[in-house]
N, C-alpha and C. Protein backbone atom coordinates (compact mmCIF):
# COMPACT_ATOMS: atom_id res chain seq x y z
N MET A 1 41.80 96.72 102.10
CA MET A 1 42.51 95.78 101.49
C MET A 1 42.33 94.43 102.40
N ASN A 2 42.25 93.22 101.55
CA ASN A 2 41.94 91.97 102.35
C ASN A 2 43.04 91.47 103.21
N LYS A 3 43.01 90.24 103.60
CA LYS A 3 43.62 89.83 104.54
C LYS A 3 44.87 89.03 103.76
N ILE A 4 44.79 88.40 102.71
CA ILE A 4 46.04 87.97 101.82
C ILE A 4 46.88 89.19 101.45
N SER A 5 46.25 90.38 100.90
CA SER A 5 46.96 91.47 100.65
C SER A 5 47.95 91.96 101.83
N LEU A 6 47.15 91.98 102.83
CA LEU A 6 47.95 92.54 104.01
C LEU A 6 49.47 91.86 104.41
N ILE A 7 49.04 90.39 104.32
CA ILE A 7 50.08 89.50 104.44
C ILE A 7 51.09 89.79 103.49
N ALA A 8 50.86 89.75 101.93
CA ALA A 8 51.85 89.97 101.22
C ALA A 8 52.54 91.33 101.44
N ALA A 9 51.80 92.26 101.59
CA ALA A 9 52.64 93.65 102.01
C ALA A 9 53.58 93.56 103.21
N GLY A 10 52.86 92.70 104.21
CA GLY A 10 53.87 92.80 105.19
C GLY A 10 55.13 91.70 105.18
N ALA A 11 54.89 90.85 104.22
CA ALA A 11 56.10 89.92 103.95
C ALA A 11 56.87 90.85 103.08
N LEU A 12 56.60 91.51 102.08
CA LEU A 12 57.29 92.30 101.14
C LEU A 12 58.10 93.32 101.96
N ALA A 13 57.56 93.96 102.95
CA ALA A 13 58.19 95.12 103.63
C ALA A 13 59.45 94.53 104.52
N MET A 14 59.05 93.22 105.03
CA MET A 14 60.34 92.37 105.44
C MET A 14 61.39 92.14 105.06
N VAL A 15 61.14 91.71 103.94
CA VAL A 15 62.07 91.45 102.70
C VAL A 15 62.87 92.41 102.51
N SER A 16 62.35 93.70 102.32
CA SER A 16 62.71 94.94 101.84
C SER A 16 63.82 95.55 102.78
N ALA A 17 63.26 95.34 104.21
CA ALA A 17 64.04 95.68 105.47
C ALA A 17 65.24 94.92 105.48
N GLY A 18 65.24 93.82 105.30
CA GLY A 18 66.25 92.85 105.42
C GLY A 18 67.19 93.12 104.10
N CYS A 19 67.15 93.35 103.10
CA CYS A 19 67.74 93.80 102.03
C CYS A 19 68.59 94.81 101.92
N SER A 20 68.17 96.12 102.84
CA SER A 20 68.74 97.27 102.81
C SER A 20 69.32 97.42 103.97
N LYS A 21 69.42 96.18 104.91
CA LYS A 21 70.29 96.18 106.12
C LYS A 21 71.79 96.74 105.75
N GLU A 22 72.30 97.54 106.19
CA GLU A 22 73.98 97.83 105.92
C GLU A 22 74.79 96.96 106.45
N GLN A 23 75.78 96.58 105.62
CA GLN A 23 76.61 95.70 106.21
C GLN A 23 78.11 96.35 106.17
N PRO A 24 79.02 96.03 107.15
CA PRO A 24 80.21 96.79 107.60
C PRO A 24 81.01 96.85 106.12
N ALA A 25 81.32 97.93 106.09
CA ALA A 25 82.29 98.25 104.70
C ALA A 25 82.95 97.14 104.23
N GLU A 26 84.05 96.69 105.50
CA GLU A 26 85.01 95.71 105.15
C GLU A 26 84.45 94.28 104.72
N GLU A 27 83.16 93.76 105.12
CA GLU A 27 82.81 92.98 104.69
C GLU A 27 82.00 92.89 103.10
N SER A 28 81.55 93.96 102.80
CA SER A 28 80.59 94.26 101.73
C SER A 28 81.72 94.30 100.65
N THR A 29 82.93 94.89 100.81
CA THR A 29 83.81 94.77 99.67
C THR A 29 84.97 93.92 99.59
N ARG A 30 85.00 93.07 100.50
CA ARG A 30 86.09 92.11 100.56
C ARG A 30 85.51 90.77 99.64
N PRO A 31 86.27 90.48 98.55
CA PRO A 31 85.88 89.21 97.87
C PRO A 31 85.98 87.89 98.93
N SER A 32 85.30 87.09 98.63
CA SER A 32 85.46 85.84 99.41
C SER A 32 86.72 85.06 98.93
N ALA A 33 87.26 84.62 100.00
CA ALA A 33 88.58 83.82 99.91
C ALA A 33 88.39 82.46 99.40
N THR A 34 87.20 82.01 99.70
CA THR A 34 86.81 80.47 99.57
C THR A 34 86.00 79.99 98.24
N ALA A 35 85.55 80.92 97.59
CA ALA A 35 84.79 80.67 96.44
C ALA A 35 85.00 81.59 95.24
N GLU A 36 85.10 80.75 94.22
CA GLU A 36 85.20 81.79 92.62
C GLU A 36 83.86 82.48 92.44
N ALA A 37 83.54 83.31 91.96
CA ALA A 37 82.46 84.08 91.42
C ALA A 37 81.89 83.28 90.45
N GLY A 38 80.69 82.85 90.27
CA GLY A 38 80.05 82.09 89.38
C GLY A 38 80.42 80.75 89.21
N SER A 39 80.89 80.22 90.34
CA SER A 39 81.26 78.77 90.52
C SER A 39 80.23 77.95 91.25
N ASP A 40 79.93 76.94 90.79
CA ASP A 40 78.87 76.00 91.78
C ASP A 40 79.59 75.11 92.48
N ALA A 41 80.70 74.92 92.49
CA ALA A 41 81.76 74.28 93.31
C ALA A 41 81.51 74.41 94.72
N PRO A 42 81.74 73.81 95.57
CA PRO A 42 81.61 74.06 96.92
C PRO A 42 82.84 75.02 97.45
N ALA A 43 82.82 75.89 98.24
CA ALA A 43 84.08 76.59 98.71
C ALA A 43 85.03 75.81 99.37
N MET A 44 86.13 76.03 98.94
CA MET A 44 87.36 75.48 99.53
C MET A 44 88.09 76.60 100.03
N PRO A 45 88.69 76.30 101.18
CA PRO A 45 89.62 77.40 101.86
C PRO A 45 90.98 77.51 101.06
N VAL A 46 91.38 78.77 101.01
CA VAL A 46 92.54 79.36 100.15
C VAL A 46 93.30 79.10 101.03
N GLN A 47 94.75 78.71 100.88
CA GLN A 47 96.03 78.80 101.56
C GLN A 47 97.16 79.68 101.06
N ALA A 48 97.57 80.49 101.61
CA ALA A 48 98.55 81.57 101.16
C ALA A 48 99.94 80.57 101.15
N ALA A 49 100.52 81.22 100.12
CA ALA A 49 101.89 80.60 100.04
C ALA A 49 102.61 80.91 101.27
N ASP A 50 103.96 80.31 101.48
CA ASP A 50 104.67 80.80 102.84
C ASP A 50 105.77 81.68 102.22
N GLU A 51 105.58 83.02 102.48
CA GLU A 51 106.47 84.00 101.88
C GLU A 51 107.84 83.80 102.17
N SER A 52 108.41 82.83 103.09
CA SER A 52 109.57 82.63 103.44
C SER A 52 110.17 81.47 102.80
N LYS A 53 109.60 80.87 101.88
CA LYS A 53 110.15 79.62 101.21
C LYS A 53 109.69 79.59 99.61
N ILE A 54 110.54 78.96 99.15
CA ILE A 54 110.46 78.53 97.60
C ILE A 54 109.24 77.57 97.53
N PRO A 55 108.35 77.82 96.90
CA PRO A 55 106.99 76.88 97.02
C PRO A 55 107.37 75.30 96.70
N ALA A 56 106.83 74.43 97.32
CA ALA A 56 107.17 73.06 96.88
C ALA A 56 107.18 72.29 95.77
N LEU A 57 106.20 72.97 94.85
CA LEU A 57 106.04 72.67 93.45
C LEU A 57 107.33 72.93 92.67
N LEU A 58 107.87 73.75 93.31
CA LEU A 58 109.37 74.42 92.38
C LEU A 58 110.47 73.70 92.95
N GLN A 59 110.55 72.74 94.01
CA GLN A 59 111.78 72.29 94.75
C GLN A 59 111.81 70.99 94.00
N GLY A 60 113.37 70.72 93.94
CA GLY A 60 113.41 69.33 93.53
C GLY A 60 114.68 69.58 92.52
N ARG A 61 115.23 68.68 91.58
CA ARG A 61 116.41 68.47 90.86
C ARG A 61 115.65 68.91 89.37
N TRP A 62 116.41 69.72 88.77
CA TRP A 62 115.81 70.03 87.33
C TRP A 62 117.06 70.12 86.14
N GLY A 63 116.98 69.75 85.11
CA GLY A 63 118.10 69.75 84.22
C GLY A 63 117.82 70.40 82.96
N LEU A 64 118.75 71.25 82.49
CA LEU A 64 118.40 71.82 81.05
C LEU A 64 118.42 70.91 80.11
N VAL A 65 119.03 69.57 80.17
CA VAL A 65 119.09 68.70 79.08
C VAL A 65 119.12 67.43 80.05
N PRO A 66 118.48 66.28 79.47
CA PRO A 66 118.12 65.18 80.06
C PRO A 66 119.48 64.65 80.97
N ALA A 67 120.99 64.84 80.33
CA ALA A 67 121.91 64.10 80.75
C ALA A 67 122.51 65.18 82.07
N ASP A 68 121.84 66.18 82.33
CA ASP A 68 121.80 67.15 83.66
C ASP A 68 121.20 66.17 85.00
N CYS A 69 120.50 65.39 84.50
CA CYS A 69 119.76 64.72 85.77
C CYS A 69 120.49 63.19 85.88
N THR A 70 121.26 62.60 85.05
CA THR A 70 121.50 61.38 85.07
C THR A 70 123.08 61.32 85.14
N SER A 71 123.69 62.49 84.78
CA SER A 71 125.39 62.50 84.68
C SER A 71 125.93 61.74 86.00
N THR A 72 126.91 61.03 86.12
CA THR A 72 127.70 60.41 87.14
C THR A 72 129.25 61.07 87.04
N LYS A 73 129.44 61.72 86.09
CA LYS A 73 130.71 62.34 85.99
C LYS A 73 131.13 63.56 86.37
N GLY A 74 129.91 64.16 87.26
CA GLY A 74 130.15 65.37 87.58
C GLY A 74 129.93 66.85 86.65
N ASP A 75 129.59 66.34 85.41
CA ASP A 75 129.70 67.10 84.03
C ASP A 75 128.47 67.65 84.05
N ASN A 76 127.38 67.73 84.80
CA ASN A 76 126.11 68.26 84.62
C ASN A 76 125.86 69.57 85.11
N LYS A 77 126.52 70.42 83.94
CA LYS A 77 126.56 72.06 84.25
C LYS A 77 125.22 72.62 84.32
N GLY A 78 124.02 71.85 83.75
CA GLY A 78 123.06 72.43 83.69
C GLY A 78 121.85 72.19 84.75
N LEU A 79 122.52 71.39 85.69
CA LEU A 79 121.60 71.00 86.96
C LEU A 79 121.48 71.95 87.99
N LEU A 80 119.84 72.31 88.25
CA LEU A 80 119.65 73.12 89.37
C LEU A 80 118.78 72.56 90.53
N THR A 81 119.34 72.68 91.62
CA THR A 81 118.47 71.93 92.80
C THR A 81 118.13 72.85 93.40
N VAL A 82 116.81 73.02 93.58
CA VAL A 82 116.04 74.04 94.33
C VAL A 82 115.48 73.10 95.79
N SER A 83 115.69 73.98 96.60
CA SER A 83 115.30 73.66 98.02
C SER A 83 114.22 74.86 98.58
N ALA A 84 113.87 74.54 99.78
CA ALA A 84 113.00 75.80 100.40
C ALA A 84 113.50 77.07 100.55
N ASP A 85 114.93 77.21 100.47
CA ASP A 85 115.35 78.49 100.64
C ASP A 85 116.62 78.83 99.81
N LYS A 86 116.89 78.09 98.98
CA LYS A 86 118.32 77.94 98.27
C LYS A 86 118.25 77.22 96.78
N LEU A 87 119.05 77.81 96.01
CA LEU A 87 119.14 77.39 94.36
C LEU A 87 120.61 77.11 94.48
N LYS A 88 120.94 75.66 93.87
CA LYS A 88 122.19 75.23 93.76
C LYS A 88 122.47 75.04 92.41
N PHE A 89 123.79 75.82 91.98
CA PHE A 89 123.87 75.46 90.40
C PHE A 89 125.21 74.66 90.75
N TYR A 90 125.93 74.41 89.33
CA TYR A 90 127.19 73.85 89.23
C TYR A 90 128.09 74.43 89.71
N GLU A 91 128.20 75.75 89.84
CA GLU A 91 129.47 76.07 90.52
C GLU A 91 129.04 77.54 91.49
N SER A 92 127.73 77.67 91.77
CA SER A 92 127.30 78.68 92.78
C SER A 92 126.16 78.36 93.36
N VAL A 93 125.87 78.93 94.52
CA VAL A 93 124.50 78.62 95.39
C VAL A 93 123.96 80.06 95.63
N ALA A 94 122.79 80.05 95.41
CA ALA A 94 121.88 81.41 95.82
C ALA A 94 121.00 80.91 96.87
N LYS A 95 121.15 81.83 98.10
CA LYS A 95 120.36 81.92 99.25
C LYS A 95 118.98 82.79 98.82
N LEU A 96 117.97 82.30 99.29
CA LEU A 96 116.57 83.07 99.08
C LEU A 96 116.86 84.46 100.05
N GLY A 97 116.47 85.43 99.31
CA GLY A 97 116.39 86.92 99.84
C GLY A 97 115.20 87.42 100.01
N PRO A 98 114.88 88.81 100.02
CA PRO A 98 113.57 89.57 100.19
C PRO A 98 112.58 88.73 98.89
N VAL A 99 111.33 88.46 99.29
CA VAL A 99 110.65 87.88 98.16
C VAL A 99 109.52 89.18 97.79
N LYS A 100 109.48 89.06 96.57
CA LYS A 100 108.50 90.37 95.75
C LYS A 100 107.10 89.72 95.73
N GLU A 101 107.20 88.56 95.28
CA GLU A 101 105.73 87.55 95.03
C GLU A 101 105.84 86.25 94.78
N VAL A 102 104.86 85.72 95.58
CA VAL A 102 104.97 84.09 95.92
C VAL A 102 103.57 83.53 95.59
N ASP A 103 103.32 82.51 95.13
CA ASP A 103 102.16 81.68 95.02
C ASP A 103 102.71 80.42 94.98
N ASP A 104 101.62 79.33 95.01
CA ASP A 104 101.83 78.05 95.11
C ASP A 104 102.92 77.51 93.50
N HIS A 105 102.64 78.19 92.65
CA HIS A 105 103.62 77.88 91.45
C HIS A 105 104.35 79.05 90.92
N SER A 106 104.74 79.73 91.65
CA SER A 106 105.94 80.78 91.21
C SER A 106 106.54 81.41 92.50
N ILE A 107 107.45 82.22 92.25
CA ILE A 107 108.12 82.97 93.12
C ILE A 107 109.10 83.89 92.46
N SER A 108 109.21 85.04 92.92
CA SER A 108 110.38 86.13 92.29
C SER A 108 110.74 86.80 93.32
N ALA A 109 111.98 86.73 93.63
CA ALA A 109 112.76 87.25 94.90
C ALA A 109 114.25 87.56 94.12
N ALA A 110 114.74 88.29 95.51
CA ALA A 110 116.05 88.73 95.08
C ALA A 110 116.83 87.31 95.71
N PHE A 111 117.98 87.00 95.28
CA PHE A 111 118.93 85.88 95.85
C PHE A 111 120.36 86.42 95.93
N GLU A 112 120.86 85.92 97.22
CA GLU A 112 122.16 86.05 97.29
C GLU A 112 123.05 84.94 96.98
N PHE A 113 123.97 85.50 95.56
CA PHE A 113 124.71 84.29 95.01
C PHE A 113 126.15 84.54 95.79
N THR A 114 126.71 83.32 95.74
CA THR A 114 128.08 83.06 95.95
C THR A 114 128.60 81.96 95.06
N GLY A 115 129.83 82.09 94.56
CA GLY A 115 130.51 81.29 93.74
C GLY A 115 131.61 81.64 92.71
N GLU A 116 132.65 80.67 92.85
CA GLU A 116 133.80 81.13 92.08
C GLU A 116 134.55 82.24 92.57
N GLY A 117 134.48 82.49 93.81
CA GLY A 117 135.15 83.44 94.65
C GLY A 117 134.43 84.73 94.74
N GLU A 118 133.06 84.92 94.31
CA GLU A 118 132.58 86.14 94.28
C GLU A 118 130.94 86.06 94.90
N ASN A 119 130.52 87.29 95.41
CA ASN A 119 129.48 87.35 95.89
C ASN A 119 128.53 88.37 95.03
N TRP A 120 127.31 88.21 94.90
CA TRP A 120 126.34 89.01 94.14
C TRP A 120 124.89 88.67 94.45
N ILE A 121 124.06 89.82 94.31
CA ILE A 121 122.55 89.86 94.63
C ILE A 121 121.95 89.94 93.02
N GLN A 122 121.01 89.04 92.78
CA GLN A 122 120.43 89.15 91.38
C GLN A 122 118.91 88.54 91.76
N ASP A 123 118.00 88.87 90.90
CA ASP A 123 116.61 88.81 90.97
C ASP A 123 116.34 87.79 90.22
N VAL A 124 115.65 86.61 90.75
CA VAL A 124 115.34 85.58 90.03
C VAL A 124 113.80 85.34 90.08
N ALA A 125 113.05 85.12 89.20
CA ALA A 125 111.88 84.51 89.23
C ALA A 125 111.63 82.84 88.68
N LEU A 126 111.26 82.15 89.30
CA LEU A 126 110.95 80.72 89.03
C LEU A 126 109.33 80.46 89.10
N SER A 127 109.02 79.65 87.70
CA SER A 127 107.56 79.41 87.83
C SER A 127 107.28 78.09 86.87
N THR A 128 106.11 77.35 87.05
CA THR A 128 105.88 76.30 86.39
C THR A 128 104.15 76.49 85.94
N SER A 129 103.98 76.09 84.93
CA SER A 129 102.61 76.12 84.64
C SER A 129 101.89 74.93 84.14
N ASP A 130 102.82 73.82 84.31
CA ASP A 130 102.20 72.54 83.88
C ASP A 130 102.26 71.72 85.10
N GLY A 131 101.82 72.21 86.18
CA GLY A 131 101.99 71.09 87.51
C GLY A 131 103.42 70.57 87.97
N GLY A 132 104.50 71.24 87.52
CA GLY A 132 105.78 70.82 87.96
C GLY A 132 106.62 70.32 87.25
N LYS A 133 106.27 69.90 85.88
CA LYS A 133 107.02 69.35 84.93
C LYS A 133 108.22 69.92 84.48
N THR A 134 107.65 71.06 84.19
CA THR A 134 108.86 72.23 83.33
C THR A 134 108.93 73.57 84.38
N LEU A 135 109.99 73.85 84.56
CA LEU A 135 110.19 75.00 85.30
C LEU A 135 111.01 75.97 84.51
N ILE A 136 110.77 77.49 84.53
CA ILE A 136 110.94 78.50 83.81
C ILE A 136 111.85 79.52 84.77
N ARG A 137 113.17 79.84 84.62
CA ARG A 137 113.94 80.75 85.44
C ARG A 137 113.94 82.08 84.35
N GLU A 138 113.73 83.13 84.97
CA GLU A 138 114.05 84.44 84.39
C GLU A 138 114.81 85.20 85.33
N ASP A 139 116.12 85.79 85.02
CA ASP A 139 116.83 86.34 85.78
C ASP A 139 116.89 87.94 85.31
N THR A 140 116.91 88.72 86.49
CA THR A 140 117.00 90.26 86.06
C THR A 140 118.18 90.92 86.65
N GLY A 141 118.66 91.86 86.06
CA GLY A 141 120.07 92.38 86.87
C GLY A 141 121.39 92.36 85.89
N PRO A 142 122.24 92.66 86.28
CA PRO A 142 123.47 92.99 85.65
C PRO A 142 124.26 91.56 84.99
N GLN A 143 123.84 90.68 85.87
CA GLN A 143 124.78 89.44 85.55
C GLN A 143 123.43 88.39 85.10
N ALA A 144 122.32 88.73 84.92
CA ALA A 144 121.24 87.85 84.26
C ALA A 144 121.38 87.31 82.95
N GLN A 145 120.79 86.18 82.74
CA GLN A 145 120.89 85.66 81.44
C GLN A 145 120.13 86.35 80.58
N SER A 146 120.31 86.35 79.30
CA SER A 146 119.70 86.96 78.34
C SER A 146 118.35 86.80 78.00
N SER A 147 117.70 85.41 78.24
CA SER A 147 116.71 85.03 78.01
C SER A 147 116.17 84.04 79.13
N PRO A 148 114.96 83.50 79.41
CA PRO A 148 114.52 82.70 80.19
C PRO A 148 115.26 81.45 79.87
N LEU A 149 115.38 80.65 81.24
CA LEU A 149 116.06 79.02 80.91
C LEU A 149 114.99 78.02 81.37
N THR A 150 114.70 77.18 80.49
CA THR A 150 113.81 76.11 80.68
C THR A 150 114.25 74.85 81.15
N TYR A 151 113.84 74.44 82.57
CA TYR A 151 114.26 73.14 82.69
C TYR A 151 113.22 72.17 82.93
N LYS A 152 113.72 70.91 82.63
CA LYS A 152 112.77 69.59 82.83
C LYS A 152 112.99 69.02 84.26
N LYS A 153 111.81 68.72 84.96
CA LYS A 153 112.21 67.81 86.23
C LYS A 153 112.94 66.51 86.17
N CYS A 154 113.65 66.71 86.95
CA CYS A 154 114.65 65.24 86.97
C CYS A 154 113.91 64.13 87.53
N PRO A 155 113.73 62.76 87.04
CA PRO A 155 113.05 61.88 87.70
C PRO A 155 113.51 61.48 89.01
């Protein structure tokens, strides 16, 4: 073997040894939380949604019809006001209970309702897919709405 062949063989052996080095199991199977596969974009840290609060994108005043946002007569029965831990309706209030799922644009949780002299627990899912212009509310349970409700963000 000549000198160049020996250097090439040595380099190949070093590369092979480096590639076969075993990584700890948890690192080799855990997906990166800072970059998407196949993305050329620089890695950005991912922040987990706070599981004890309704996401900020869902908070605010929402109306089923435009008049719910503008009425000054108290007849805005479709107005929903969402805070970090509460839903306020025309005649009831729902406090956030155990959260099932949450991310930056949705939450699914049990809510403890009080209103019109009654108390009840109901599962509610809130989500937005258009950056917070529209809110979809889906209730499940015995006193649930029969279909999802679509609210528009109040100005």
